């Protein structure tokens, strides 16, 4: 089987280095060339790993000996670079998100179908053993009818984290704040386990950072079948927390990183509600089942290996573009709902989302001055109004 020969764009950041290592570690993958706007940095990476450095992304696309392009560039570049690579007949593996907006992602998927090429999105969290076990439980109906979903993820960031890369925290560069940049892998898990909701109502704010976009977001979800959900993200909280909880009639699933637990009532919840007459505060006894931890966690290399196998065997990768787009759909729904100040239905209205997210909406009043260390922004000052 011929190796899949990669060119990697955007190698000077931490995530670019992670992808370079993942490709080099993967049997059947061959790192041919790298590029970055920082030409000197790209040359250093190339010298360190023993590959070629090209001057810019266009040169990678033109290389006939490169079969796949890995995009580790800023979010704003993903869609147009993916389209250019597909047009040139390359397979594409993209760091999340697939594109800046759902409208742009639609074009990428259409171009991939037309070219007969594979598109993958980098979601190693989906391949974790705990996440796989959770997906198996959901597909087998082991939770019964679903009543409630709760997703919480916090990822503390200093102002320096945004200042160090000026595209972060901007609508034009990142397409959003905490929802797009920290929340996507967790929205991906939610979408994989539950599917997409039919309606979203959301609120966002910038409470502690001097950025255009949100550093806090909360959304309420309504699913087909009646299940309700809540999502919360922020980059302001320490210590942090991260978990996905799905409550069903037969069991509750709680997924937090590599930890997976099931809580099972002795009697299905709805049956107990109608059958028990012991006293008015009765509740069914529940047992906790802790899934044994796996010996190894999933990494970027697992996604690369699956992508390579998919290309070589002409099948869709597990983290393919179509499924990877679901988290973007949900993220856009959250941001659009917050901007409009009202619930939105899914699928998201493409033209409305494109218009709103392109123009952005300042999360702080335009007249407000950047906060100084002596005068931080007041909590809630960045609340988006309808």
Protein backbone atom coordinates (compact mmCIF):
# COMPACT_ATOMS: atom_id res chain seq x y z
CA UNK A 1 0.00 0.00 0.00
CA UNK A 2 1.44 3.38 -1.03
CA UNK A 3 2.01 5.85 1.80
CA UNK A 4 -0.10 9.00 2.04
CA UNK A 5 2.29 11.88 1.49
CA UNK A 6 1.46 14.97 3.56
CA UNK A 7 2.13 18.67 3.34
CA UNK A 8 1.37 20.56 6.57
CA UNK A 9 0.42 24.24 6.64
CA UNK A 10 0.81 26.25 9.83
CA UNK A 11 3.57 24.39 11.66
CA UNK A 12 4.99 27.02 14.00
CA UNK A 13 2.20 26.95 16.56
CA UNK A 14 1.75 24.27 19.23
CA UNK A 15 -1.04 22.53 17.32
CA UNK A 16 1.05 22.49 14.13
CA UNK A 17 3.86 20.76 15.97
CA UNK A 18 1.39 18.23 17.38
CA UNK A 19 0.18 17.36 13.89
CA UNK A 20 3.70 17.11 12.50
CA UNK A 21 4.60 14.62 15.23
CA UNK A 22 1.38 12.67 14.67
CA UNK A 23 2.06 12.29 10.94
CA UNK A 24 5.65 11.21 11.57
CA UNK A 25 4.49 8.60 14.11
CA UNK A 26 1.86 7.08 11.81
CA UNK A 27 2.70 4.04 9.66
CA UNK A 28 1.55 4.68 6.11
CA UNK A 29 1.94 8.45 6.46
CA UNK A 30 4.92 10.36 5.10
CA UNK A 31 5.71 13.98 5.92
CA UNK A 32 6.99 15.59 2.73
CA UNK A 33 6.89 19.32 3.35
CA UNK A 34 5.79 22.06 5.73
CA UNK A 35 5.01 25.74 5.42
CA UNK A 36 4.09 28.70 7.63
CA UNK A 37 3.78 32.46 7.35
CA UNK A 38 6.83 32.43 9.60
CA UNK A 39 9.24 31.19 6.93
CA UNK A 40 12.19 30.99 9.30
CA UNK A 41 10.18 28.98 11.79
CA UNK A 42 8.99 26.60 9.08
CA UNK A 43 12.60 26.11 7.96
CA UNK A 44 13.60 25.22 11.53
CA UNK A 45 10.77 22.68 11.81
CA UNK A 46 11.73 21.15 8.46
CA UNK A 47 15.38 20.86 9.49
CA UNK A 48 14.42 19.26 12.79
CA UNK A 49 12.21 16.57 11.25
CA UNK A 50 14.07 16.04 7.98
CA UNK A 51 11.57 17.29 5.43
CA UNK A 52 11.31 20.18 2.99
CA UNK A 53 10.06 23.70 3.80
CA UNK A 54 8.04 25.51 1.14
CA UNK A 55 7.55 29.24 0.95
CA UNK A 56 3.75 29.29 1.15
CA UNK A 57 0.58 27.22 1.03
CA UNK A 58 0.12 27.66 -2.71
CA UNK A 59 3.34 25.78 -3.32
CA UNK A 60 2.05 22.81 -1.31
CA UNK A 61 -1.14 22.71 -3.35
CA UNK A 62 0.83 22.72 -6.62
CA UNK A 63 3.07 19.81 -5.63
CA UNK A 64 2.03 16.73 -7.60
CA UNK A 65 3.80 14.39 -5.17
CA UNK A 66 1.68 15.47 -2.18
CA UNK A 67 -1.53 13.52 -1.73
CA UNK A 68 -2.93 15.09 1.44
CA UNK A 69 -2.83 18.50 3.08
CA UNK A 70 -3.05 18.97 6.85
CA UNK A 71 -4.31 22.43 7.84
CA UNK A 72 -3.15 23.83 11.19
CA UNK A 73 -3.63 27.47 10.20
CA UNK A 74 -5.89 30.05 11.88
CA UNK A 75 -9.62 29.32 11.64
CA UNK A 76 -10.24 32.01 9.01
CA UNK A 77 -8.00 30.11 6.57
CA UNK A 78 -9.50 26.62 6.91
CA UNK A 79 -12.35 26.84 4.43
CA UNK A 80 -10.55 28.60 1.57
CA UNK A 81 -7.40 26.49 1.97
CA UNK A 82 -9.44 23.28 2.06
CA UNK A 83 -11.24 24.35 -1.13
CA UNK A 84 -7.93 25.12 -2.86
CA UNK A 85 -6.46 21.76 -1.85
CA UNK A 86 -9.54 19.82 -2.97
CA UNK A 87 -9.60 21.64 -6.29
CA UNK A 88 -5.98 20.56 -6.76
CA UNK A 89 -6.94 16.94 -6.09
CA UNK A 90 -5.62 16.62 -2.52
CA UNK A 91 -7.21 14.91 0.46
CA UNK A 92 -7.65 17.29 3.40
CA UNK A 93 -7.26 16.85 7.17
CA UNK A 94 -8.28 19.99 9.06
CA UNK A 95 -7.70 21.06 12.62
CA UNK A 96 -11.09 22.00 14.07
CA UNK A 97 -13.19 23.71 12.97
CA UNK A 98 -13.77 22.56 9.41
CA UNK A 99 -14.45 26.15 8.32
CA UNK A 100 -15.33 29.57 9.70
CA UNK A 101 -19.10 29.15 9.15
CA UNK A 102 -21.55 26.42 8.15
CA UNK A 103 -22.02 28.08 4.77
CA UNK A 104 -18.31 27.75 4.08
CA UNK A 105 -18.29 24.17 5.37
CA UNK A 106 -21.10 23.27 2.96
CA UNK A 107 -18.86 24.38 0.10
CA UNK A 108 -15.95 22.29 1.38
CA UNK A 109 -18.08 19.14 1.58
CA UNK A 110 -19.53 19.77 -1.88
CA UNK A 111 -16.02 20.25 -3.30
CA UNK A 112 -14.83 17.02 -1.66
CA UNK A 113 -17.71 15.07 -3.17
CA UNK A 114 -17.08 16.57 -6.60
CA UNK A 115 -13.35 15.79 -6.40
CA UNK A 116 -13.87 12.34 -4.91
CA UNK A 117 -11.47 13.21 -2.09
CA UNK A 118 -11.48 12.58 1.65
CA UNK A 119 -12.00 15.32 4.23
CA UNK A 120 -11.26 14.67 7.90
CA UNK A 121 -11.51 16.89 10.98
CA UNK A 122 -9.16 16.60 13.95
CA UNK A 123 -11.33 15.41 16.85
CA UNK A 124 -9.22 12.95 18.88
CA UNK A 125 -11.63 13.35 21.82
CA UNK A 126 -14.17 11.36 19.84
CA UNK A 127 -11.82 8.39 19.60
CA UNK A 128 -11.11 8.15 23.33
CA UNK A 129 -12.04 4.72 24.75
CA UNK A 130 -14.46 6.36 27.19
CA UNK A 131 -16.17 8.26 24.38
CA UNK A 132 -16.37 5.10 22.26
CA UNK A 133 -17.96 3.22 25.19
CA UNK A 134 -20.43 6.04 25.70
CA UNK A 135 -21.34 5.96 21.99
CA UNK A 136 -21.85 2.20 22.16
CA UNK A 137 -24.16 2.58 25.16
CA UNK A 138 -26.21 5.21 23.34
CA UNK A 139 -26.45 3.21 20.10
CA UNK A 140 -27.58 0.14 22.05
CA UNK A 141 -30.31 2.11 23.85
CA UNK A 142 -28.91 1.31 27.28
CA UNK A 143 -30.07 4.65 28.69
CA UNK A 144 -33.65 4.26 27.50
CA UNK A 145 -35.68 7.36 26.69
CA UNK A 146 -33.53 10.48 27.11
CA UNK A 147 -34.80 13.25 29.38
CA UNK A 148 -31.93 15.68 29.89
CA UNK A 149 -28.44 16.57 28.58
CA UNK A 150 -25.91 18.81 30.32
CA UNK A 151 -22.55 19.86 28.83
CA UNK A 152 -20.11 22.04 30.76
CA UNK A 153 -16.57 22.90 29.71
CA UNK A 154 -14.33 25.64 31.07
CA UNK A 155 -10.85 26.47 29.83
CA UNK A 156 -9.19 29.35 31.69
CA UNK A 157 -7.31 31.80 29.48
CA UNK A 158 -5.26 34.88 30.34
CA UNK A 159 -5.38 38.03 28.25
CA UNK A 160 -1.87 37.13 27.10
CA UNK A 161 -3.26 34.02 25.36
CA UNK A 162 -5.30 36.28 23.11
CA UNK A 163 -2.68 39.00 22.68
CA UNK A 164 -0.08 36.41 21.62
CA UNK A 165 -2.09 35.57 18.47
CA UNK A 166 -4.09 38.60 17.28
CA UNK A 167 -6.58 36.49 15.29
CA UNK A 168 -7.85 34.88 18.49
CA UNK A 169 -10.84 36.55 20.07
CA UNK A 170 -11.89 38.16 16.77
CA UNK A 171 -14.87 37.47 14.54
CA UNK A 172 -12.88 37.72 11.32
CA UNK A 173 -10.05 35.51 12.51
CA UNK A 174 -11.68 32.95 14.80
CA UNK A 175 -15.38 33.10 13.95
CA UNK A 176 -16.20 33.36 17.65
CA UNK A 177 -14.72 33.04 21.10
CA UNK A 178 -15.08 30.27 23.65
CA UNK A 179 -17.82 28.53 21.64
CA UNK A 180 -15.70 28.11 18.51
CA UNK A 181 -12.22 27.86 19.99
CA UNK A 182 -12.69 25.82 23.17
CA UNK A 183 -16.20 24.39 22.92
CA UNK A 184 -16.14 22.61 19.55
CA UNK A 185 -14.66 19.24 20.58
CA UNK A 186 -17.29 18.97 23.32
CA UNK A 187 -20.11 20.01 21.01
CA UNK A 188 -18.76 17.28 18.73
CA UNK A 189 -19.14 14.68 21.49
CA UNK A 190 -22.65 15.89 22.24
CA UNK A 191 -23.63 15.71 18.57
CA UNK A 192 -22.09 12.23 18.18
CA UNK A 193 -23.96 10.87 21.19
CA UNK A 194 -27.26 12.74 20.92
CA UNK A 195 -27.50 14.08 17.39
CA UNK A 196 -28.28 17.74 16.83
CA UNK A 197 -31.10 19.49 18.69
CA UNK A 198 -33.99 20.95 16.75
CA UNK A 199 -33.89 24.33 18.51
CA UNK A 200 -31.34 26.44 20.41
CA UNK A 201 -31.71 29.51 22.63
CA UNK A 202 -28.43 31.06 23.74
CA UNK A 203 -26.84 33.95 25.63
CA UNK A 204 -23.23 35.08 25.42
CA UNK A 205 -21.09 37.67 27.19
CA UNK A 206 -17.56 38.95 27.53
CA UNK A 207 -17.00 39.19 31.26
CA UNK A 208 -13.26 39.27 31.90
CA UNK A 209 -11.23 39.60 28.67
CA UNK A 210 -10.59 42.48 26.29
CA UNK A 211 -11.66 40.73 23.06
CA UNK A 212 -14.33 41.16 20.38
CA UNK A 213 -15.91 37.78 20.95
CA UNK A 214 -17.53 35.98 23.87
CA UNK A 215 -15.67 34.45 26.80
CA UNK A 216 -18.87 32.97 28.27
CA UNK A 217 -21.81 31.23 26.61
CA UNK A 218 -24.88 29.38 27.84
CA UNK A 219 -27.41 27.65 25.60
CA UNK A 220 -30.65 25.75 26.11
CA UNK A 221 -31.36 22.91 23.68
CA UNK A 222 -34.56 21.20 22.60
CA UNK A 223 -34.32 17.75 20.96
CA UNK A 224 -36.76 15.73 18.92
CA UNK A 225 -38.56 13.42 21.31
CA UNK A 226 -38.73 16.01 24.08
CA UNK A 227 -35.29 15.84 25.69
CA UNK A 228 -33.95 19.16 26.94
CA UNK A 229 -30.35 20.24 27.28
CA UNK A 230 -28.02 22.90 28.65
CA UNK A 231 -24.54 23.88 27.41
CA UNK A 232 -22.14 26.19 29.22
CA UNK A 233 -18.64 27.30 28.18
CA UNK A 234 -16.31 29.92 29.63
CA UNK A 235 -12.65 30.92 29.72
CA UNK A 236 -12.94 32.76 33.03
CA UNK A 237 -13.28 29.99 35.62
CA UNK A 238 -10.63 28.37 37.82
CA UNK A 239 -10.53 25.62 38.83
CA UNK A 240 -12.08 24.31 35.66
CA UNK A 241 -14.55 21.54 35.02
CA UNK A 242 -15.56 19.52 32.00
CA UNK A 243 -18.30 16.92 31.71
CA UNK A 244 -21.15 15.66 29.56
CA UNK A 245 -24.11 14.12 31.35
CA UNK A 246 -27.03 12.37 29.65
CA UNK A 247 -30.00 11.34 31.78
CA UNK A 248 -32.20 8.53 30.53
CA UNK A 249 -35.06 6.46 31.91
CA UNK A 250 -32.84 3.41 32.43
CA UNK A 251 -29.52 5.05 33.31
CA UNK A 252 -27.53 8.27 33.51
CA UNK A 253 -24.24 8.55 31.62
CA UNK A 254 -21.52 10.90 32.85
CA UNK A 255 -18.45 11.41 30.66
CA UNK A 256 -15.52 13.53 31.86
CA UNK A 257 -12.33 13.16 29.85
CA UNK A 258 -11.18 9.55 30.18
CA UNK A 259 -13.67 8.87 32.99
CA UNK A 260 -17.03 7.26 32.17
CA UNK A 261 -19.67 6.38 34.74
CA UNK A 262 -23.20 5.01 34.60
CA UNK A 263 -25.81 5.49 37.32
CA UNK A 264 -28.60 2.92 37.08
CA UNK A 265 -31.86 3.09 39.03
CA UNK A 266 -33.18 -0.25 40.35
CA UNK A 267 -36.47 0.57 38.62
CA UNK A 268 -36.83 2.63 35.44
CA UNK A 269 -37.54 6.22 36.40
CA UNK A 270 -40.94 6.63 34.80
CA UNK A 271 -42.19 3.29 36.13
CA UNK A 272 -41.04 4.22 39.64
CA UNK A 273 -42.74 7.62 39.37
CA UNK A 274 -46.14 5.99 38.82
CA UNK A 275 -45.71 2.76 40.80
CA UNK A 276 -44.18 3.86 44.11
CA UNK A 277 -46.55 4.72 46.96
CA UNK A 278 -44.12 4.42 49.91
CA UNK A 279 -43.95 8.17 50.69
CA UNK A 280 -44.02 11.47 48.80
CA UNK A 281 -40.23 11.90 48.73
CA UNK A 282 -39.40 8.37 47.54
CA UNK A 283 -36.58 7.94 45.03
CA UNK A 284 -35.28 4.75 43.38
CA UNK A 285 -32.04 3.22 44.61
CA UNK A 286 -29.22 3.72 42.11
CA UNK A 287 -25.98 1.84 41.53
CA UNK A 288 -22.83 3.39 40.11
CA UNK A 289 -20.84 1.58 37.43
CA UNK A 290 -17.39 2.95 36.66
CA UNK A 291 -16.04 1.92 33.27
CA UNK A 292 -12.46 0.63 33.69
CA UNK A 293 -9.89 3.16 32.49
CA UNK A 294 -8.15 2.28 29.24
CA UNK A 295 -4.40 1.70 29.10
CA UNK A 296 -3.98 4.42 26.47
CA UNK A 297 -5.88 7.55 25.51
CA UNK A 298 -6.62 8.74 21.97
CA UNK A 299 -4.26 11.24 20.37
CA UNK A 300 -3.86 13.20 17.14
CA UNK A 301 -1.92 10.22 15.83
CA UNK A 302 -5.04 8.06 16.15
CA UNK A 303 -6.99 10.48 13.96
CA UNK A 304 -4.13 10.59 11.43
CA UNK A 305 -3.90 6.79 11.35
CA UNK A 306 -7.63 6.44 10.76
CA UNK A 307 -7.50 9.14 8.07
CA UNK A 308 -4.62 7.40 6.30
CA UNK A 309 -6.45 4.07 6.42
CA UNK A 310 -9.59 5.73 5.03
CA UNK A 311 -7.66 7.25 2.13
CA UNK A 312 -5.90 3.99 1.34
CA UNK A 313 -9.10 1.91 1.52
CA UNK A 314 -11.47 4.45 -0.01
CA UNK A 315 -13.79 4.81 2.97
CA UNK A 316 -14.87 7.72 5.15
CA UNK A 317 -12.71 8.38 8.20
CA UNK A 318 -14.33 8.16 11.62
CA UNK A 319 -13.83 11.92 12.04
CA UNK A 320 -15.07 12.79 8.56
CA UNK A 321 -16.13 16.19 7.28
CA UNK A 322 -19.87 15.49 7.37
CA UNK A 323 -19.93 14.43 11.02
CA UNK A 324 -17.27 17.00 11.94
CA UNK A 325 -19.54 19.72 10.59
CA UNK A 326 -22.25 18.99 13.18
CA UNK A 327 -20.34 20.74 15.95
CA UNK A 328 -19.92 23.77 13.69
CA UNK A 329 -23.66 23.75 12.98
CA UNK A 330 -24.40 23.75 16.70
CA UNK A 331 -21.76 26.40 17.45
CA UNK A 332 -23.19 28.70 14.78
CA UNK A 333 -26.69 28.15 16.14
CA UNK A 334 -25.52 29.21 19.61
CA UNK A 335 -23.81 32.35 18.31
CA UNK A 336 -26.65 33.33 15.97
CA UNK A 337 -29.27 32.85 18.70
CA UNK A 338 -27.25 35.06 21.05
CA UNK A 339 -26.87 37.74 18.38
CA UNK A 340 -30.56 37.72 17.46
CA UNK A 341 -31.75 37.47 21.05
CA UNK A 342 -34.17 34.67 20.22
CA UNK A 343 -34.23 30.89 19.64
CA UNK A 344 -33.13 29.53 16.28
CA UNK A 345 -34.05 26.27 14.56
CA UNK A 346 -31.58 23.80 13.12
CA UNK A 347 -30.36 23.42 10.44
CA UNK A 348 -29.12 26.98 10.78
CA UNK A 349 -30.28 29.49 8.19
CA UNK A 350 -27.11 29.72 6.10
CA UNK A 351 -27.55 33.22 4.75
CA UNK A 352 -28.46 34.66 8.16
CA UNK A 353 -25.53 32.91 9.85
CA UNK A 354 -23.11 34.04 7.15
CA UNK A 355 -24.28 37.64 7.41
CA UNK A 356 -24.27 37.84 11.21
CA UNK A 357 -20.99 36.02 11.77
CA UNK A 358 -19.22 37.91 9.00
CA UNK A 359 -20.10 41.29 10.47
CA UNK A 360 -19.64 39.99 14.00
CA UNK A 361 -21.04 41.77 16.98
CA UNK A 362 -18.82 43.45 19.54
CA UNK A 363 -19.15 41.69 22.87
CA UNK A 364 -18.31 44.98 24.61
CA UNK A 365 -19.76 48.40 23.74
CA UNK A 366 -17.68 50.04 21.01
CA UNK A 367 -17.13 53.14 23.15
CA UNK A 368 -15.63 51.24 26.07
CA UNK A 369 -11.89 51.53 26.57
CA UNK A 370 -9.70 48.41 26.86
CA UNK A 371 -9.47 47.46 30.53
CA UNK A 372 -6.28 48.17 32.43
CA UNK A 373 -4.89 46.02 35.19
CA UNK A 374 -6.27 48.57 37.64
CA UNK A 375 -9.69 48.71 36.04
CA UNK A 376 -10.96 45.31 34.82
CA UNK A 377 -14.24 45.11 32.88
CA UNK A 378 -17.29 44.70 35.07
CA UNK A 379 -18.86 41.24 35.12
CA UNK A 380 -21.66 41.06 32.61
CA UNK A 381 -20.61 44.26 30.77
CA UNK A 382 -20.33 42.35 27.50
CA UNK A 383 -23.82 40.85 27.47
CA UNK A 384 -25.10 40.63 23.91
CA UNK A 385 -28.43 42.35 23.51
CA UNK A 386 -31.07 41.48 20.97
